[in-house]
């Protein structure tokens, strides 16, 4: 009971800092999971400013673990309207839109909810696609490995394809005085355990044994996707 009260107070504080009033009951069945408060920084170590994020650009950071990638997106338009979403297990949860002065900045896990495709240093088959393509509409997150399509303006709701549930949303906090952005936790269906199991050998080779699961810590570095990986696949 004490832990539940603590979590609710943390969510309320984070929501207040982001300029959102969120009653505890509004989270529906599935409450958010809070991790460390992590400052988003650029490759030089300077804090990322919300005003400096270019609209319709793929940014990538890792949170809440060293090896779990997330998209950071400035959608270029306000996404203040809340959405109620449903996990594969039937639990519902609330997503309360973007943060920042225009409420245009959102973040989601970059691990596809179907076959756990994710951006690597070599290639990314999943990305935010600002323009219409032959296989999907504009302004969607598209996984080209299985053609799962998610709507980032609706909490990464599944628009098309075999994905059984939305991407997990990353809870963000915007500090208006410094224009800084912090990651706080997740809401929705996490894929972390399945991800670590599926890619155990690959992650151990890349990060070292056991290090892929280490908490990201006080700072997470944000890269443009095109600078992080050698090839971003479009479809």
Protein backbone atom coordinates (compact mmCIF):
# COMPACT_ATOMS: atom_id res chain seq x y z
CA UNK A 1 0.00 0.00 0.00
CA UNK A 2 2.80 2.43 0.88
CA UNK A 3 4.58 1.66 -2.39
CA UNK A 4 1.34 2.25 -4.31
CA UNK A 5 0.92 5.65 -2.66
CA UNK A 6 4.55 6.49 -3.42
CA UNK A 7 4.14 5.59 -7.11
CA UNK A 8 0.98 7.65 -7.40
CA UNK A 9 2.66 10.66 -5.82
CA UNK A 10 5.65 10.32 -8.17
CA UNK A 11 3.39 10.14 -11.21
CA UNK A 12 1.42 13.14 -10.02
CA UNK A 13 4.64 15.11 -9.48
CA UNK A 14 6.01 14.16 -12.89
CA UNK A 15 2.73 14.99 -14.57
CA UNK A 16 2.64 18.34 -12.84
CA UNK A 17 6.17 19.12 -13.97
CA UNK A 18 5.11 18.34 -17.53
CA UNK A 19 2.13 20.66 -17.22
CA UNK A 20 -0.42 17.82 -17.07
CA UNK A 21 -2.91 17.10 -14.31
CA UNK A 22 -3.45 13.35 -14.12
CA UNK A 23 -5.68 11.83 -11.41
CA UNK A 24 -4.38 8.47 -10.23
CA UNK A 25 -7.57 6.76 -11.41
CA UNK A 26 -6.99 8.01 -14.95
CA UNK A 27 -4.30 5.40 -15.51
CA UNK A 28 -7.06 2.77 -15.89
CA UNK A 29 -6.02 -0.86 -15.30
CA UNK A 30 -2.29 -0.62 -15.94
CA UNK A 31 -0.33 1.87 -13.85
CA UNK A 32 2.93 3.37 -15.10
CA UNK A 33 6.28 1.94 -14.03
CA UNK A 34 8.73 4.51 -12.77
CA UNK A 35 12.48 4.09 -13.21
CA UNK A 36 15.24 6.62 -12.58
CA UNK A 37 14.80 10.28 -13.51
CA UNK A 38 17.18 10.46 -16.47
CA UNK A 39 18.28 13.67 -18.19
CA UNK A 40 18.42 13.49 -21.98
CA UNK A 41 21.72 14.89 -23.30
CA UNK A 42 23.40 15.28 -26.68
CA UNK A 43 26.58 13.39 -27.66
CA UNK A 44 28.68 16.20 -26.13
CA UNK A 45 26.94 15.75 -22.76
CA UNK A 46 24.91 18.96 -22.92
CA UNK A 47 21.23 18.76 -22.04
CA UNK A 48 18.82 18.35 -24.92
CA UNK A 49 16.56 21.39 -25.21
CA UNK A 50 13.00 20.77 -26.31
CA UNK A 51 13.17 23.78 -28.63
CA UNK A 52 16.19 22.29 -30.41
CA UNK A 53 14.49 19.06 -31.49
CA UNK A 54 13.83 19.19 -35.22
CA UNK A 55 10.30 18.20 -36.17
CA UNK A 56 9.74 14.88 -37.95
CA UNK A 57 13.26 13.65 -37.17
CA UNK A 58 14.14 10.27 -35.68
CA UNK A 59 16.04 10.66 -32.40
CA UNK A 60 17.16 7.62 -30.42
CA UNK A 61 18.18 7.15 -26.78
CA UNK A 62 18.41 4.18 -24.43
CA UNK A 63 16.16 3.87 -21.38
CA UNK A 64 15.58 2.50 -18.79
CA UNK A 65 18.37 0.00 -19.44
CA UNK A 66 21.68 0.36 -21.25
CA UNK A 67 20.50 -1.73 -24.23
CA UNK A 68 16.79 -0.83 -24.56
CA UNK A 69 16.30 1.78 -27.32
CA UNK A 70 13.61 4.47 -27.45
CA UNK A 71 12.43 6.95 -30.06
CA UNK A 72 12.25 10.64 -29.16
CA UNK A 73 10.08 12.55 -31.62
CA UNK A 74 8.97 16.13 -32.17
CA UNK A 75 5.80 15.57 -34.16
CA UNK A 76 5.62 19.22 -35.18
CA UNK A 77 2.07 19.61 -33.91
CA UNK A 78 0.27 19.49 -30.60
CA UNK A 79 -0.70 16.03 -29.39
CA UNK A 80 -2.45 17.08 -26.21
CA UNK A 81 -5.49 14.84 -26.58
CA UNK A 82 -5.31 11.81 -24.25
CA UNK A 83 -5.80 8.29 -25.54
CA UNK A 84 -6.92 5.08 -23.89
CA UNK A 85 -4.98 2.07 -25.14
CA UNK A 86 -5.12 -1.68 -24.58
CA UNK A 87 -2.33 -4.16 -23.98
CA UNK A 88 -2.37 -7.67 -25.42
CA UNK A 89 -3.43 -9.03 -22.03
CA UNK A 90 -6.53 -6.84 -22.09
CA UNK A 91 -5.41 -4.27 -19.51
CA UNK A 92 -6.10 -0.68 -20.48
CA UNK A 93 -3.93 2.34 -19.79
CA UNK A 94 -4.00 6.06 -20.43
CA UNK A 95 -1.52 8.00 -22.55
CA UNK A 96 -1.63 11.73 -21.94
CA UNK A 97 -0.02 13.15 -25.05
CA UNK A 98 3.11 15.16 -25.71
CA UNK A 99 5.25 17.41 -23.55
CA UNK A 100 7.04 20.70 -24.15
CA UNK A 101 5.68 24.17 -24.91
CA UNK A 102 3.70 22.91 -27.92
CA UNK A 103 2.89 19.48 -26.43
CA UNK A 104 4.52 17.99 -29.55
CA UNK A 105 7.32 15.85 -28.05
CA UNK A 106 6.70 12.16 -27.45
CA UNK A 107 8.81 9.07 -26.78
CA UNK A 108 8.22 5.35 -27.23
CA UNK A 109 10.14 2.12 -26.89
CA UNK A 110 11.82 1.31 -30.21
CA UNK A 111 11.32 -2.44 -29.69
CA UNK A 112 8.58 -3.62 -32.06
CA UNK A 113 5.69 -5.32 -30.26
CA UNK A 114 5.56 -8.17 -32.81
CA UNK A 115 8.98 -9.80 -33.27
CA UNK A 116 11.08 -7.41 -31.14
CA UNK A 117 12.82 -5.77 -34.08
CA UNK A 118 14.92 -2.84 -32.84
CA UNK A 119 17.52 -0.32 -34.10
CA UNK A 120 21.09 -1.62 -34.03
CA UNK A 121 24.37 0.02 -34.94
CA UNK A 122 24.28 -1.74 -38.30
CA UNK A 123 20.68 -1.29 -39.40
CA UNK A 124 17.22 -0.21 -38.25
CA UNK A 125 14.11 -1.77 -39.74
CA UNK A 126 11.91 0.34 -37.47
CA UNK A 127 11.68 4.12 -37.68
CA UNK A 128 9.36 7.10 -37.62
CA UNK A 129 8.27 7.79 -41.19
CA UNK A 130 7.19 11.42 -41.72
CA UNK A 131 6.18 10.98 -45.37
CA UNK A 132 3.67 8.68 -47.03
CA UNK A 133 5.15 5.58 -48.62
CA UNK A 134 3.87 2.79 -50.86
CA UNK A 135 3.04 0.70 -47.80
CA UNK A 136 1.89 3.16 -45.11
CA UNK A 137 0.57 6.61 -44.36
CA UNK A 138 2.72 9.56 -43.32
CA UNK A 139 3.69 10.33 -39.72
CA UNK A 140 3.74 6.78 -38.43
CA UNK A 141 6.30 4.48 -36.81
CA UNK A 142 6.75 1.67 -39.32
CA UNK A 143 8.52 -1.64 -38.70
CA UNK A 144 9.61 -2.82 -42.12
CA UNK A 145 10.50 -6.32 -40.92
CA UNK A 146 6.82 -7.23 -40.43
CA UNK A 147 4.93 -4.09 -41.51
CA UNK A 148 3.54 -3.25 -38.11
CA UNK A 149 2.50 0.41 -38.15
CA UNK A 150 2.02 2.58 -35.04
CA UNK A 151 0.53 6.05 -34.63
CA UNK A 152 2.79 8.20 -32.38
CA UNK A 153 0.11 10.90 -32.10
CA UNK A 154 -2.18 8.32 -30.47
CA UNK A 155 0.23 6.77 -27.97
CA UNK A 156 1.75 4.41 -30.61
CA UNK A 157 -1.59 2.73 -31.18
CA UNK A 158 -1.41 -0.06 -33.80
CA UNK A 159 -2.64 1.22 -37.15
CA UNK A 160 -1.81 -1.83 -39.30
CA UNK A 161 0.12 -5.08 -39.33
CA UNK A 162 0.51 -8.01 -36.97
CA UNK A 163 1.63 -6.20 -33.79
CA UNK A 164 -0.70 -7.30 -30.95
CA UNK A 165 -0.39 -4.09 -28.90
CA UNK A 166 1.04 -0.55 -28.95
CA UNK A 167 4.66 0.28 -28.33
CA UNK A 168 5.33 1.09 -24.68
CA UNK A 169 5.28 4.85 -24.11
CA UNK A 170 8.13 6.57 -22.29
CA UNK A 171 6.96 9.02 -19.64
CA UNK A 172 8.71 12.35 -20.14
CA UNK A 173 9.08 15.44 -17.99
CA UNK A 174 9.73 18.90 -19.45
CA UNK A 175 11.32 21.51 -17.16
CA UNK A 176 10.26 24.83 -18.64
CA UNK A 177 12.89 26.92 -16.83
CA UNK A 178 15.78 25.06 -18.52
CA UNK A 179 13.85 23.53 -21.46
CA UNK A 180 15.35 20.20 -20.37
CA UNK A 181 13.73 16.80 -20.91
CA UNK A 182 13.83 13.89 -18.48
CA UNK A 183 12.70 10.29 -18.91
CA UNK A 184 10.82 8.97 -15.88
CA UNK A 185 9.34 5.57 -16.69
CA UNK A 186 7.04 3.66 -19.01
CA UNK A 187 3.34 3.06 -19.51
CA UNK A 188 1.93 0.26 -21.65
CA UNK A 189 3.33 -3.18 -22.39
CA UNK A 190 7.08 -3.42 -21.91
CA UNK A 191 8.99 -5.92 -24.05
CA UNK A 192 12.19 -5.81 -21.99
CA UNK A 193 12.32 -9.36 -20.61
CA UNK A 194 11.47 -10.92 -23.97
CA UNK A 195 14.02 -8.62 -25.62
CA UNK A 196 16.81 -9.62 -23.24
CA UNK A 197 15.96 -13.29 -23.67
CA UNK A 198 15.80 -13.22 -27.47
CA UNK A 199 19.00 -11.21 -27.94
CA UNK A 200 20.97 -12.47 -24.93
CA UNK A 201 24.03 -13.60 -26.90
CA UNK A 202 24.11 -10.58 -29.22
CA UNK A 203 23.73 -8.12 -26.34
CA UNK A 204 26.43 -9.86 -24.30
CA UNK A 205 28.81 -9.53 -27.25
CA UNK A 206 27.97 -5.84 -27.69
CA UNK A 207 27.74 -4.65 -24.08
CA UNK A 208 29.52 -7.33 -22.05
CA UNK A 209 28.02 -10.07 -19.93
CA UNK A 210 25.15 -8.74 -17.82
CA UNK A 211 25.75 -5.09 -18.76
CA UNK A 212 22.88 -4.74 -21.21
CA UNK A 213 20.46 -4.89 -18.24
CA UNK A 214 22.20 -2.20 -16.23
CA UNK A 215 20.06 0.88 -15.50
CA UNK A 216 20.97 3.72 -17.82
CA UNK A 217 21.66 6.07 -14.90
CA UNK A 218 21.34 9.83 -14.53
CA UNK A 219 21.94 10.68 -18.20
CA UNK A 220 20.96 9.17 -21.54
CA UNK A 221 22.60 10.26 -24.77
CA UNK A 222 20.33 11.18 -27.67
CA UNK A 223 21.45 10.58 -31.26
CA UNK A 224 19.79 11.14 -34.57
CA UNK A 225 18.93 7.69 -35.90
CA UNK A 226 20.98 8.30 -39.06
CA UNK A 227 24.03 9.00 -36.89
CA UNK A 228 23.43 6.03 -34.60
CA UNK A 229 23.05 3.28 -37.22
CA UNK A 230 24.63 2.80 -40.62
CA UNK A 231 21.39 2.19 -42.51
CA UNK A 232 17.76 3.03 -41.73
CA UNK A 233 15.44 0.94 -43.89
CA UNK A 234 12.41 2.63 -45.47
CA UNK A 235 9.39 0.78 -46.79
